[in-house]
Amino acid sequence: MHAFPSLCLQSRGLSTSFLYSLFADVDLLFGSCNLKLELGVWWTFLTTIFLFSLNMACHICPFADPLSKLKRSCVSSSARYTVRSFGIRRNEKIAVHCTVRGAKAEEILEKGLKVREYELRKNNFSDTGNFGFGIQEHIDLGIKYDPSIGIYGLDFYVVLGRPGFSIADKKHRTGSIGAKHRISKEEAMRWFQQKYDGIILPGK
């Protein structure tokens, strides 16, 4: 019964001991059902790309910041150098950023891409499978205009992931993500096109 899936999984570079343990787990969970179908679903789950986190950053306001409207804890960034032409001093707080995950991240990302009319350039995507873009006015996200804040631009940076990526961030028994399991630039672009019907424009 295990002949076909054994050949299929061994071709992906998995060890024999892993195969035996996998077959035992599958038999325990699914019994004698269609193992070929279940392994296909299992492998599809492992290769699924999802939105891991959404990082947002904007210029800081002396009185308040637009990201405070998101009701998320924000972190301030300080200037590393003094730029007299812009009136910036070293160690002065000049920006604020926050990380959003889950359904809220998908909601904000949807609004941000809608402002960009779902158009991104190839230069927006990195070789590690992430992408970023910016908008000129934060009120385009549906945030009510506040005279004390004014209008500021926002930068979005989207981090994509796959099941098992958390092994690189564990405190104990930390592991590395295999090269075949990482997300490439082409896969990230394909994910953007399929999920949001996005348009990829040529790079500048």
Protein backbone atom coordinates (compact mmCIF):
# COMPACT_ATOMS: atom_id res chain seq x y z
CA MET A 1 0.00 0.00 0.00
CA HIS A 2 2.91 2.34 0.70
CA ALA A 3 4.84 1.72 -2.53
CA PHE A 4 3.70 4.75 -4.51
CA PRO A 5 3.83 7.36 -1.72
CA SER A 6 7.22 6.00 -0.63
CA LEU A 7 8.69 6.64 -4.07
CA CYS A 8 6.93 10.00 -4.27
CA LEU A 9 8.30 11.24 -0.94
CA GLN A 10 11.77 9.79 -1.36
CA SER A 11 12.10 11.74 -4.58
CA ARG A 12 11.70 14.89 -2.51
CA GLY A 13 14.78 14.04 -0.46
CA LEU A 14 13.12 12.68 2.72
CA SER A 15 14.87 10.01 4.78
CA THR A 16 13.60 6.44 5.16
CA SER A 17 13.16 6.78 8.94
CA PHE A 18 10.99 9.84 8.39
CA LEU A 19 8.87 7.88 5.91
CA TYR A 20 8.22 5.05 8.40
CA SER A 21 7.18 7.51 11.11
CA LEU A 22 5.02 9.39 8.62
CA PHE A 23 3.24 6.22 7.48
CA ALA A 24 2.59 5.26 11.11
CA ASP A 25 1.05 8.67 11.84
CA VAL A 26 -1.05 8.57 8.68
CA ASP A 27 -2.32 5.05 9.44
CA LEU A 28 -3.18 6.15 12.97
CA LEU A 29 -5.11 9.20 11.78
CA PHE A 30 -6.71 7.98 8.57
CA GLY A 31 -6.67 4.17 8.86
CA SER A 32 -6.71 2.33 5.54
CA CYS A 33 -8.26 5.14 3.52
CA ASN A 34 -6.83 6.50 0.31
CA LEU A 35 -3.28 7.19 1.50
CA LYS A 36 -2.24 8.58 -1.85
CA LEU A 37 -4.92 11.29 -1.65
CA GLU A 38 -4.21 12.15 1.99
CA LEU A 39 -0.48 12.52 1.39
CA GLY A 40 -1.23 14.81 -1.53
CA VAL A 41 -3.39 17.01 0.70
CA TRP A 42 -0.71 16.94 3.40
CA TRP A 43 2.01 18.00 0.97
CA THR A 44 -0.22 20.75 -0.44
CA PHE A 45 -0.65 22.08 3.10
CA LEU A 46 3.11 22.21 3.67
CA THR A 47 3.70 24.17 0.47
CA THR A 48 0.87 26.66 1.05
CA ILE A 49 1.97 30.31 1.20
CA PHE A 50 0.19 32.60 3.65
CA LEU A 51 0.47 36.14 4.99
CA PHE A 52 2.76 35.94 8.03
CA SER A 53 2.86 39.60 9.09
CA LEU A 54 2.33 43.14 7.83
CA ASN A 55 4.80 45.81 8.92
CA MET A 56 3.73 49.44 8.66
CA ALA A 57 5.89 52.54 9.11
CA CYS A 58 5.31 56.28 8.84
CA HIS A 59 6.89 59.61 9.72
CA ILE A 60 6.28 60.58 13.31
CA CYS A 61 4.09 63.53 14.27
CA PRO A 62 5.02 65.80 17.22
CA PHE A 63 1.55 65.40 18.74
CA ALA A 64 0.28 62.02 17.53
CA ASP A 65 0.83 59.44 14.82
CA PRO A 66 -1.54 57.88 12.26
CA LEU A 67 -0.70 54.33 13.36
CA SER A 68 -2.21 55.00 16.80
CA LYS A 69 -5.61 54.81 15.10
CA LEU A 70 -4.99 51.10 14.50
CA LYS A 71 -5.07 50.43 18.27
CA ARG A 72 -1.79 48.52 18.08
CA SER A 73 1.37 48.95 20.11
CA CYS A 74 3.85 50.95 18.03
CA VAL A 75 7.62 51.26 18.25
CA SER A 76 9.47 54.50 17.58
CA SER A 77 12.59 54.75 15.42
CA SER A 78 15.34 57.27 16.09
CA ALA A 79 17.67 59.02 13.68
CA ARG A 80 21.18 57.60 13.54
CA TYR A 81 22.73 60.73 12.06
CA THR A 82 22.20 64.49 12.21
CA VAL A 83 20.83 65.99 8.99
CA ARG A 84 20.82 69.78 9.33
CA SER A 85 19.14 70.41 5.99
CA PHE A 86 16.07 68.50 7.21
CA GLY A 87 16.28 69.72 10.81
CA ILE A 88 16.89 66.19 12.13
CA ARG A 89 19.11 65.58 15.14
CA ARG A 90 20.78 62.36 16.13
CA ASN A 91 18.70 60.08 18.40
CA GLU A 92 15.61 62.15 17.65
CA LYS A 93 12.42 60.13 17.11
CA ILE A 94 11.54 60.48 13.45
CA ALA A 95 9.35 57.48 12.63
CA VAL A 96 7.03 54.91 14.12
CA HIS A 97 6.24 51.38 12.98
CA CYS A 98 4.07 48.46 14.05
CA THR A 99 3.48 44.84 13.10
CA VAL A 100 0.00 43.49 12.42
CA ARG A 101 -0.92 39.82 11.99
CA GLY A 102 -3.99 37.75 11.34
CA ALA A 103 -7.28 38.93 9.88
CA LYS A 104 -6.51 42.57 10.69
CA ALA A 105 -3.33 42.40 8.60
CA GLU A 106 -5.24 41.00 5.62
CA GLU A 107 -7.87 43.73 5.97
CA ILE A 108 -5.29 46.55 6.04
CA LEU A 109 -3.29 45.00 3.21
CA GLU A 110 -6.44 44.77 1.10
CA LYS A 111 -7.09 48.49 1.63
CA GLY A 112 -3.48 49.40 0.86
CA LEU A 113 -3.45 47.41 -2.38
CA LYS A 114 -6.78 48.95 -3.35
CA VAL A 115 -5.18 52.40 -3.11
CA ARG A 116 -2.45 51.18 -5.46
CA GLU A 117 -5.13 49.69 -7.74
CA TYR A 118 -3.57 46.26 -7.16
CA GLU A 119 -0.51 47.18 -9.21
CA LEU A 120 3.04 46.47 -8.08
CA ARG A 121 6.37 46.46 -9.85
CA LYS A 122 8.88 43.65 -9.94
CA ASN A 123 11.19 45.85 -7.89
CA ASN A 124 8.70 45.71 -5.02
CA PHE A 125 9.48 42.02 -4.48
CA SER A 126 12.62 40.78 -2.74
CA ASP A 127 14.58 37.60 -3.41
CA THR A 128 13.41 36.19 -0.06
CA GLY A 129 9.75 36.17 -1.12
CA ASN A 130 8.59 39.35 0.62
CA PHE A 131 7.35 42.59 -0.92
CA GLY A 132 6.68 46.19 0.03
CA PHE A 133 5.01 49.33 -1.27
CA GLY A 134 3.91 52.76 -0.09
CA ILE A 135 0.95 55.10 -0.23
CA GLN A 136 1.08 58.89 -0.12
CA GLU A 137 -1.89 59.61 2.16
CA HIS A 138 -2.85 57.52 5.18
CA ILE A 139 -6.46 58.73 5.02
CA ASP A 140 -6.91 56.58 1.88
CA LEU A 141 -7.14 53.57 4.22
CA GLY A 142 -10.41 54.91 5.64
CA ILE A 143 -8.83 56.66 8.64
CA LYS A 144 -10.70 59.83 9.55
CA TYR A 145 -8.74 63.02 8.96
CA ASP A 146 -7.36 64.58 12.14
CA PRO A 147 -6.08 68.19 11.88
CA SER A 148 -3.63 67.59 14.74
CA ILE A 149 -1.94 64.81 12.74
CA GLY A 150 -2.24 66.08 9.20
CA ILE A 151 -1.61 63.78 6.24
CA TYR A 152 1.31 61.36 6.15
CA GLY A 153 2.45 58.60 3.86
CA LEU A 154 2.65 54.98 4.92
CA ASP A 155 5.08 52.22 4.00
CA PHE A 156 3.90 48.61 3.88
CA TYR A 157 6.18 45.59 4.09
CA VAL A 158 4.56 42.18 3.69
CA VAL A 159 6.23 39.05 5.07
CA LEU A 160 5.05 35.74 3.61
CA GLY A 161 5.50 32.37 5.22
CA ARG A 162 4.85 28.64 5.02
CA PRO A 163 4.01 26.03 7.65
CA GLY A 164 7.21 25.26 9.57
CA PHE A 165 8.85 28.69 9.22
CA SER A 166 8.58 29.20 12.99
CA ILE A 167 11.39 26.69 13.56
CA ALA A 168 13.90 29.43 12.75
CA ASP A 169 12.50 31.65 15.55
CA LYS A 170 12.28 29.07 18.32
CA LYS A 171 14.23 29.66 21.51
CA HIS A 172 15.15 25.98 21.93
CA ARG A 173 16.03 23.46 19.22
CA THR A 174 16.27 26.16 16.59
CA GLY A 175 16.53 24.90 13.02
CA SER A 176 17.06 26.36 9.59
CA ILE A 177 14.57 26.49 6.76
CA GLY A 178 15.51 24.28 3.83
CA ALA A 179 16.29 25.87 0.50
CA LYS A 180 13.41 24.08 -1.25
CA HIS A 181 10.94 25.21 1.42
CA ARG A 182 11.82 28.89 1.19
CA ILE A 183 9.70 31.31 -0.82
CA SER A 184 11.26 32.67 -3.99
CA LYS A 185 10.56 35.97 -5.70
CA GLU A 186 8.58 34.26 -8.46
CA GLU A 187 6.39 32.40 -5.94
CA ALA A 188 5.63 35.63 -4.08
CA MET A 189 4.63 37.34 -7.31
CA ARG A 190 2.43 34.38 -8.24
CA TRP A 191 0.79 34.48 -4.79
CA PHE A 192 0.01 38.19 -5.21
CA GLN A 193 -1.50 37.63 -8.64
CA GLN A 194 -3.65 34.67 -7.58
CA LYS A 195 -4.90 36.01 -4.24
CA TYR A 196 -5.58 39.63 -5.20
CA ASP A 197 -5.77 39.42 -9.01
CA GLY A 198 -2.80 41.77 -8.93
CA ILE A 199 -0.93 43.22 -11.86
CA ILE A 200 2.87 43.02 -12.03
CA LEU A 201 4.42 45.94 -13.88
CA PRO A 202 7.98 45.85 -15.24
CA GLY A 203 10.66 47.30 -12.99
CA LYS A 204 12.02 50.78 -13.41
